[in-house]
Amino acid sequence: MQIKSIDALALKKRLDDGSAVLIDIREPHEYAHEHIEGARLAPLSRFAAEDFGGLRDKTAVFYCRSGGRTGSNARLLTAKGFRDAYHLSGGIMAWKAAGLPTSSQRAAAGEGGRKRFGWLF
């Protein structure tokens, strides 16, 4: 399967209608600093071990900081058997440039607090 590009506004529409699952392939510290709300963390460094189970019937949209890691690892990402797969063109940087909001684990945990997060779910 080939991985296609999707822009931030088209992705937002798919997320709003529930037709896509958003997967952040960055590392945990990057996700904690800032991520797209609703994204599931599946770090590229541990990606082979992830189990996507019942998510394969949805369209998968992968993202990283700027799109480089996602694009260069397309074969690995699409090998998980998703019905359809995209990468967010320009990554989280393009999402923010489009004026769309991001979240932070640090903000959710309170100033100076730490919040645990699980893999994928």
N, C-alpha and C. Protein backbone atom coordinates (compact mmCIF):
# COMPACT_ATOMS: atom_id res chain seq x y z
N MET A 1 0.84 -1.18 0.00
CA MET A 1 0.00 0.00 0.00
C MET A 1 0.89 1.24 0.00
N GLN A 2 0.49 2.22 -0.78
CA GLN A 2 1.22 3.47 -0.84
C GLN A 2 0.64 4.44 0.18
N ILE A 3 1.48 5.26 0.75
CA ILE A 3 1.00 6.26 1.70
C ILE A 3 0.80 7.57 0.96
N LYS A 4 -0.38 8.15 1.13
CA LYS A 4 -0.73 9.38 0.44
C LYS A 4 -0.64 10.55 1.42
N SER A 5 -0.59 11.75 0.90
CA SER A 5 -0.55 12.95 1.72
C SER A 5 -1.96 13.49 1.95
N ILE A 6 -2.14 14.11 3.09
CA ILE A 6 -3.39 14.81 3.39
C ILE A 6 -3.01 16.12 4.07
N ASP A 7 -3.72 17.19 3.75
CA ASP A 7 -3.40 18.46 4.40
C ASP A 7 -4.18 18.58 5.71
N ALA A 8 -3.81 19.57 6.49
CA ALA A 8 -4.36 19.73 7.84
C ALA A 8 -5.87 19.93 7.84
N LEU A 9 -6.39 20.73 6.94
CA LEU A 9 -7.83 21.00 6.94
C LEU A 9 -8.64 19.78 6.52
N ALA A 10 -8.14 19.03 5.55
CA ALA A 10 -8.83 17.80 5.14
C ALA A 10 -8.78 16.77 6.27
N LEU A 11 -7.66 16.70 6.97
CA LEU A 11 -7.54 15.80 8.11
C LEU A 11 -8.53 16.20 9.20
N LYS A 12 -8.65 17.46 9.48
CA LYS A 12 -9.58 17.93 10.52
C LYS A 12 -11.00 17.47 10.21
N LYS A 13 -11.39 17.55 8.94
CA LYS A 13 -12.74 17.09 8.56
C LYS A 13 -12.90 15.60 8.82
N ARG A 14 -11.89 14.81 8.48
CA ARG A 14 -11.97 13.35 8.70
C ARG A 14 -12.00 13.02 10.19
N LEU A 15 -11.23 13.74 10.98
CA LEU A 15 -11.26 13.51 12.42
C LEU A 15 -12.62 13.88 13.00
N ASP A 16 -13.17 14.98 12.54
CA ASP A 16 -14.48 15.41 13.03
C ASP A 16 -15.58 14.42 12.70
N ASP A 17 -15.49 13.78 11.52
CA ASP A 17 -16.56 12.83 11.16
C ASP A 17 -16.25 11.40 11.60
N GLY A 18 -15.11 11.19 12.26
CA GLY A 18 -14.77 9.89 12.83
C GLY A 18 -14.28 8.86 11.83
N SER A 19 -13.95 9.27 10.63
CA SER A 19 -13.53 8.30 9.61
C SER A 19 -12.04 7.99 9.64
N ALA A 20 -11.28 8.72 10.45
CA ALA A 20 -9.84 8.51 10.49
C ALA A 20 -9.35 8.34 11.92
N VAL A 21 -8.26 7.62 12.06
CA VAL A 21 -7.55 7.52 13.33
C VAL A 21 -6.20 8.20 13.12
N LEU A 22 -5.84 9.08 14.02
CA LEU A 22 -4.61 9.85 13.93
C LEU A 22 -3.55 9.21 14.81
N ILE A 23 -2.38 8.94 14.22
CA ILE A 23 -1.32 8.24 14.93
C ILE A 23 -0.05 9.09 14.91
N ASP A 24 0.40 9.46 16.09
CA ASP A 24 1.61 10.26 16.28
C ASP A 24 2.78 9.30 16.42
N ILE A 25 3.73 9.36 15.48
CA ILE A 25 4.86 8.42 15.50
C ILE A 25 6.09 9.00 16.18
N ARG A 26 5.95 10.17 16.79
CA ARG A 26 7.09 10.79 17.48
C ARG A 26 7.34 10.08 18.81
N GLU A 27 8.37 10.50 19.48
CA GLU A 27 8.73 9.90 20.77
C GLU A 27 7.90 10.49 21.90
N PRO A 28 7.80 9.77 23.03
CA PRO A 28 6.94 10.22 24.14
C PRO A 28 7.21 11.65 24.61
N HIS A 29 8.46 12.06 24.69
CA HIS A 29 8.75 13.42 25.16
C HIS A 29 8.24 14.47 24.17
N GLU A 30 8.23 14.16 22.88
CA GLU A 30 7.71 15.08 21.87
C GLU A 30 6.18 15.19 22.00
N TYR A 31 5.55 14.04 22.19
CA TYR A 31 4.10 13.98 22.37
C TYR A 31 3.69 14.76 23.62
N ALA A 32 4.43 14.57 24.70
CA ALA A 32 4.11 15.26 25.96
C ALA A 32 4.23 16.77 25.80
N HIS A 33 5.20 17.19 25.04
CA HIS A 33 5.40 18.63 24.83
C HIS A 33 4.24 19.24 24.07
N GLU A 34 3.82 18.56 22.97
CA GLU A 34 2.73 19.07 22.16
C GLU A 34 2.25 17.99 21.19
N HIS A 35 0.95 17.87 21.04
CA HIS A 35 0.38 16.89 20.11
C HIS A 35 -0.99 17.36 19.64
N ILE A 36 -1.47 16.72 18.62
CA ILE A 36 -2.81 17.00 18.11
C ILE A 36 -3.80 16.23 18.98
N GLU A 37 -4.80 16.93 19.48
CA GLU A 37 -5.80 16.32 20.37
C GLU A 37 -6.42 15.09 19.70
N GLY A 38 -6.48 14.00 20.45
CA GLY A 38 -7.06 12.77 19.95
C GLY A 38 -6.08 11.84 19.27
N ALA A 39 -4.85 12.30 19.07
CA ALA A 39 -3.83 11.46 18.43
C ALA A 39 -3.44 10.32 19.36
N ARG A 40 -3.20 9.17 18.78
CA ARG A 40 -2.73 8.01 19.53
C ARG A 40 -1.23 7.92 19.36
N LEU A 41 -0.53 7.77 20.45
CA LEU A 41 0.92 7.71 20.43
C LEU A 41 1.39 6.30 20.09
N ALA A 42 2.20 6.20 19.06
CA ALA A 42 2.82 4.94 18.64
C ALA A 42 4.22 5.28 18.14
N PRO A 43 5.17 5.45 19.07
CA PRO A 43 6.51 5.90 18.69
C PRO A 43 7.15 5.02 17.62
N LEU A 44 7.76 5.66 16.66
CA LEU A 44 8.41 4.94 15.57
C LEU A 44 9.48 3.98 16.10
N SER A 45 10.14 4.35 17.18
CA SER A 45 11.19 3.51 17.75
C SER A 45 10.65 2.19 18.29
N ARG A 46 9.35 2.12 18.55
CA ARG A 46 8.71 0.90 19.08
C ARG A 46 7.59 0.43 18.17
N PHE A 47 7.52 0.97 16.99
CA PHE A 47 6.36 0.76 16.14
C PHE A 47 6.09 -0.69 15.80
N ALA A 48 7.10 -1.48 15.57
CA ALA A 48 6.91 -2.87 15.18
C ALA A 48 6.15 -3.66 16.24
N ALA A 49 6.22 -3.24 17.49
CA ALA A 49 5.59 -3.96 18.59
C ALA A 49 4.13 -3.53 18.82
N GLU A 50 3.70 -2.47 18.15
CA GLU A 50 2.36 -1.96 18.40
C GLU A 50 1.30 -2.87 17.78
N ASP A 51 0.19 -2.96 18.46
CA ASP A 51 -0.94 -3.75 17.97
C ASP A 51 -2.09 -2.79 17.69
N PHE A 52 -2.48 -2.72 16.43
CA PHE A 52 -3.54 -1.78 16.05
C PHE A 52 -4.92 -2.41 16.06
N GLY A 53 -5.01 -3.68 16.31
CA GLY A 53 -6.27 -4.37 16.48
C GLY A 53 -7.42 -3.89 15.63
N GLY A 54 -8.50 -3.46 16.26
CA GLY A 54 -9.72 -3.07 15.59
C GLY A 54 -9.68 -1.75 14.85
N LEU A 55 -8.52 -1.10 14.79
CA LEU A 55 -8.43 0.18 14.11
C LEU A 55 -8.21 0.04 12.61
N ARG A 56 -7.95 -1.16 12.13
CA ARG A 56 -7.57 -1.34 10.73
C ARG A 56 -8.69 -1.01 9.75
N ASP A 57 -9.93 -0.96 10.20
CA ASP A 57 -11.02 -0.63 9.29
C ASP A 57 -11.14 0.87 9.06
N LYS A 58 -10.40 1.66 9.81
CA LYS A 58 -10.42 3.11 9.64
C LYS A 58 -9.27 3.55 8.74
N THR A 59 -9.34 4.76 8.30
CA THR A 59 -8.23 5.37 7.57
C THR A 59 -7.21 5.82 8.60
N ALA A 60 -5.97 5.40 8.44
CA ALA A 60 -4.90 5.80 9.35
C ALA A 60 -4.22 7.04 8.79
N VAL A 61 -3.99 8.02 9.66
CA VAL A 61 -3.22 9.20 9.29
C VAL A 61 -2.08 9.30 10.29
N PHE A 62 -0.86 9.20 9.77
CA PHE A 62 0.34 9.26 10.60
C PHE A 62 0.91 10.67 10.54
N TYR A 63 1.52 11.09 11.64
CA TYR A 63 2.22 12.38 11.60
C TYR A 63 3.42 12.38 12.53
N CYS A 64 4.33 13.30 12.20
CA CYS A 64 5.50 13.56 13.03
C CYS A 64 5.63 15.08 13.12
N ARG A 65 6.82 15.59 13.33
CA ARG A 65 7.00 17.03 13.48
C ARG A 65 6.77 17.77 12.16
N SER A 66 7.47 17.34 11.11
CA SER A 66 7.39 18.07 9.84
C SER A 66 7.07 17.19 8.64
N GLY A 67 6.94 15.89 8.83
CA GLY A 67 6.62 14.98 7.75
C GLY A 67 7.78 14.11 7.29
N GLY A 68 8.99 14.44 7.69
CA GLY A 68 10.16 13.69 7.26
C GLY A 68 10.20 12.25 7.73
N ARG A 69 10.03 12.03 9.01
CA ARG A 69 10.05 10.67 9.55
C ARG A 69 8.92 9.83 8.99
N THR A 70 7.77 10.44 8.87
CA THR A 70 6.62 9.71 8.35
C THR A 70 6.86 9.27 6.92
N GLY A 71 7.31 10.20 6.09
CA GLY A 71 7.55 9.88 4.68
C GLY A 71 8.63 8.84 4.49
N SER A 72 9.71 8.94 5.25
CA SER A 72 10.81 8.00 5.07
C SER A 72 10.53 6.62 5.64
N ASN A 73 9.48 6.47 6.43
CA ASN A 73 9.13 5.18 7.02
C ASN A 73 7.77 4.68 6.55
N ALA A 74 7.35 5.12 5.39
CA ALA A 74 6.02 4.79 4.86
C ALA A 74 5.80 3.29 4.76
N ARG A 75 6.79 2.55 4.32
CA ARG A 75 6.62 1.10 4.15
C ARG A 75 6.31 0.43 5.49
N LEU A 76 7.04 0.78 6.52
CA LEU A 76 6.80 0.22 7.85
C LEU A 76 5.39 0.58 8.34
N LEU A 77 5.01 1.82 8.16
CA LEU A 77 3.72 2.29 8.66
C LEU A 77 2.55 1.63 7.96
N THR A 78 2.66 1.43 6.67
CA THR A 78 1.55 0.83 5.92
C THR A 78 1.51 -0.68 6.03
N ALA A 79 2.54 -1.29 6.57
CA ALA A 79 2.58 -2.75 6.71
C ALA A 79 1.64 -3.26 7.80
N LYS A 80 1.01 -2.39 8.55
CA LYS A 80 0.12 -2.79 9.64
C LYS A 80 -1.27 -3.15 9.16
N GLY A 81 -1.53 -3.07 7.86
CA GLY A 81 -2.78 -3.56 7.31
C GLY A 81 -3.97 -2.63 7.39
N PHE A 82 -3.74 -1.34 7.48
CA PHE A 82 -4.86 -0.42 7.47
C PHE A 82 -5.53 -0.42 6.11
N ARG A 83 -6.81 -0.17 6.11
CA ARG A 83 -7.58 -0.11 4.86
C ARG A 83 -7.03 0.98 3.96
N ASP A 84 -6.66 2.10 4.53
CA ASP A 84 -6.16 3.24 3.78
C ASP A 84 -5.20 3.99 4.70
N ALA A 85 -4.14 4.58 4.15
CA ALA A 85 -3.15 5.26 4.98
C ALA A 85 -2.70 6.57 4.33
N TYR A 86 -2.55 7.57 5.18
CA TYR A 86 -2.09 8.89 4.77
C TYR A 86 -1.01 9.35 5.74
N HIS A 87 -0.29 10.39 5.31
CA HIS A 87 0.56 11.10 6.26
C HIS A 87 0.17 12.56 6.19
N LEU A 88 0.21 13.21 7.34
CA LEU A 88 -0.13 14.62 7.42
C LEU A 88 1.01 15.41 6.78
N SER A 89 0.74 16.00 5.65
CA SER A 89 1.74 16.77 4.94
C SER A 89 2.21 17.94 5.81
N GLY A 90 3.50 17.98 6.08
CA GLY A 90 4.06 19.04 6.91
C GLY A 90 3.98 18.78 8.40
N GLY A 91 3.41 17.65 8.79
CA GLY A 91 3.36 17.25 10.19
C GLY A 91 2.62 18.23 11.09
N ILE A 92 2.96 18.17 12.37
CA ILE A 92 2.28 19.02 13.35
C ILE A 92 2.57 20.50 13.09
N MET A 93 3.69 20.77 12.44
CA MET A 93 4.01 22.17 12.11
C MET A 93 2.97 22.73 11.13
N ALA A 94 2.56 21.93 10.14
CA ALA A 94 1.54 22.37 9.18
C ALA A 94 0.18 22.50 9.85
N TRP A 95 -0.11 21.60 10.78
CA TRP A 95 -1.36 21.65 11.54
C TRP A 95 -1.47 22.99 12.26
N LYS A 96 -0.40 23.37 12.95
CA LYS A 96 -0.38 24.64 13.69
C LYS A 96 -0.43 25.83 12.74
N ALA A 97 0.28 25.74 11.61
CA ALA A 97 0.29 26.82 10.62
C ALA A 97 -1.11 27.07 10.05
N ALA A 98 -1.94 26.02 10.03
CA ALA A 98 -3.32 26.15 9.55
C ALA A 98 -4.24 26.74 10.63
N GLY A 99 -3.67 27.05 11.79
CA GLY A 99 -4.44 27.65 12.87
C GLY A 99 -5.22 26.66 13.71
N LEU A 100 -4.86 25.38 13.60
CA LEU A 100 -5.57 24.34 14.35
C LEU A 100 -4.90 24.12 15.71
N PRO A 101 -5.68 23.75 16.71
CA PRO A 101 -5.15 23.66 18.08
C PRO A 101 -4.33 22.40 18.35
N THR A 102 -3.46 22.51 19.34
CA THR A 102 -2.69 21.38 19.84
C THR A 102 -2.89 21.30 21.35
N SER A 103 -2.47 20.18 21.92
CA SER A 103 -2.56 19.96 23.36
C SER A 103 -1.20 19.59 23.90
N SER A 104 -1.09 19.63 25.21
CA SER A 104 0.14 19.26 25.89
C SER A 104 -0.17 18.39 27.09
N GLN A 105 0.56 17.30 27.26
CA GLN A 105 0.41 16.47 28.45
C GLN A 105 0.79 17.28 29.68
N ARG A 106 1.79 18.11 29.56
CA ARG A 106 2.24 18.92 30.70
C ARG A 106 1.13 19.86 31.15
N ALA A 107 0.45 20.48 30.20
CA ALA A 107 -0.65 21.39 30.56
C ALA A 107 -1.78 20.62 31.23
N ALA A 108 -2.06 19.42 30.74
CA ALA A 108 -3.14 18.61 31.31
C ALA A 108 -2.81 18.16 32.72
N ALA A 109 -1.52 17.98 33.00
CA ALA A 109 -1.11 17.51 34.33
C ALA A 109 -0.93 18.66 35.30
N GLY A 110 -0.98 19.89 34.82
CA GLY A 110 -0.76 21.05 35.67
C GLY A 110 0.69 21.47 35.60
N GLU A 111 0.95 22.67 35.95
CA GLU A 111 2.31 23.21 35.88
C GLU A 111 3.26 22.37 36.73
N GLY A 112 4.28 21.86 36.09
CA GLY A 112 5.29 21.06 36.79
C GLY A 112 4.86 19.64 37.08
N GLY A 113 3.62 19.30 36.78
CA GLY A 113 3.14 17.95 37.06
C GLY A 113 3.54 16.96 35.98
N ARG A 114 3.41 15.71 36.30
CA ARG A 114 3.69 14.66 35.32
C ARG A 114 2.43 13.82 35.15
N LYS A 115 2.19 13.43 33.94
CA LYS A 115 1.01 12.62 33.67
C LYS A 115 1.47 11.38 32.91
N ARG A 116 1.04 10.23 33.32
CA ARG A 116 1.37 9.00 32.62
C ARG A 116 0.47 8.88 31.40
N PHE A 117 1.01 8.26 30.38
CA PHE A 117 0.18 7.99 29.21
C PHE A 117 0.55 6.61 28.69
N GLY A 118 -0.46 5.93 28.17
CA GLY A 118 -0.27 4.60 27.65
C GLY A 118 0.00 4.62 26.17
N TRP A 119 0.38 3.51 25.66
CA TRP A 119 0.66 3.39 24.23
C TRP A 119 -0.63 3.11 23.50
N LEU A 120 -0.88 3.91 22.52
CA LEU A 120 -1.98 3.75 21.58
C LEU A 120 -3.35 4.05 22.17
N PHE A 121 -3.69 3.55 23.33
CA PHE A 121 -5.04 3.76 23.85
C PHE A 121 -4.99 4.44 25.18
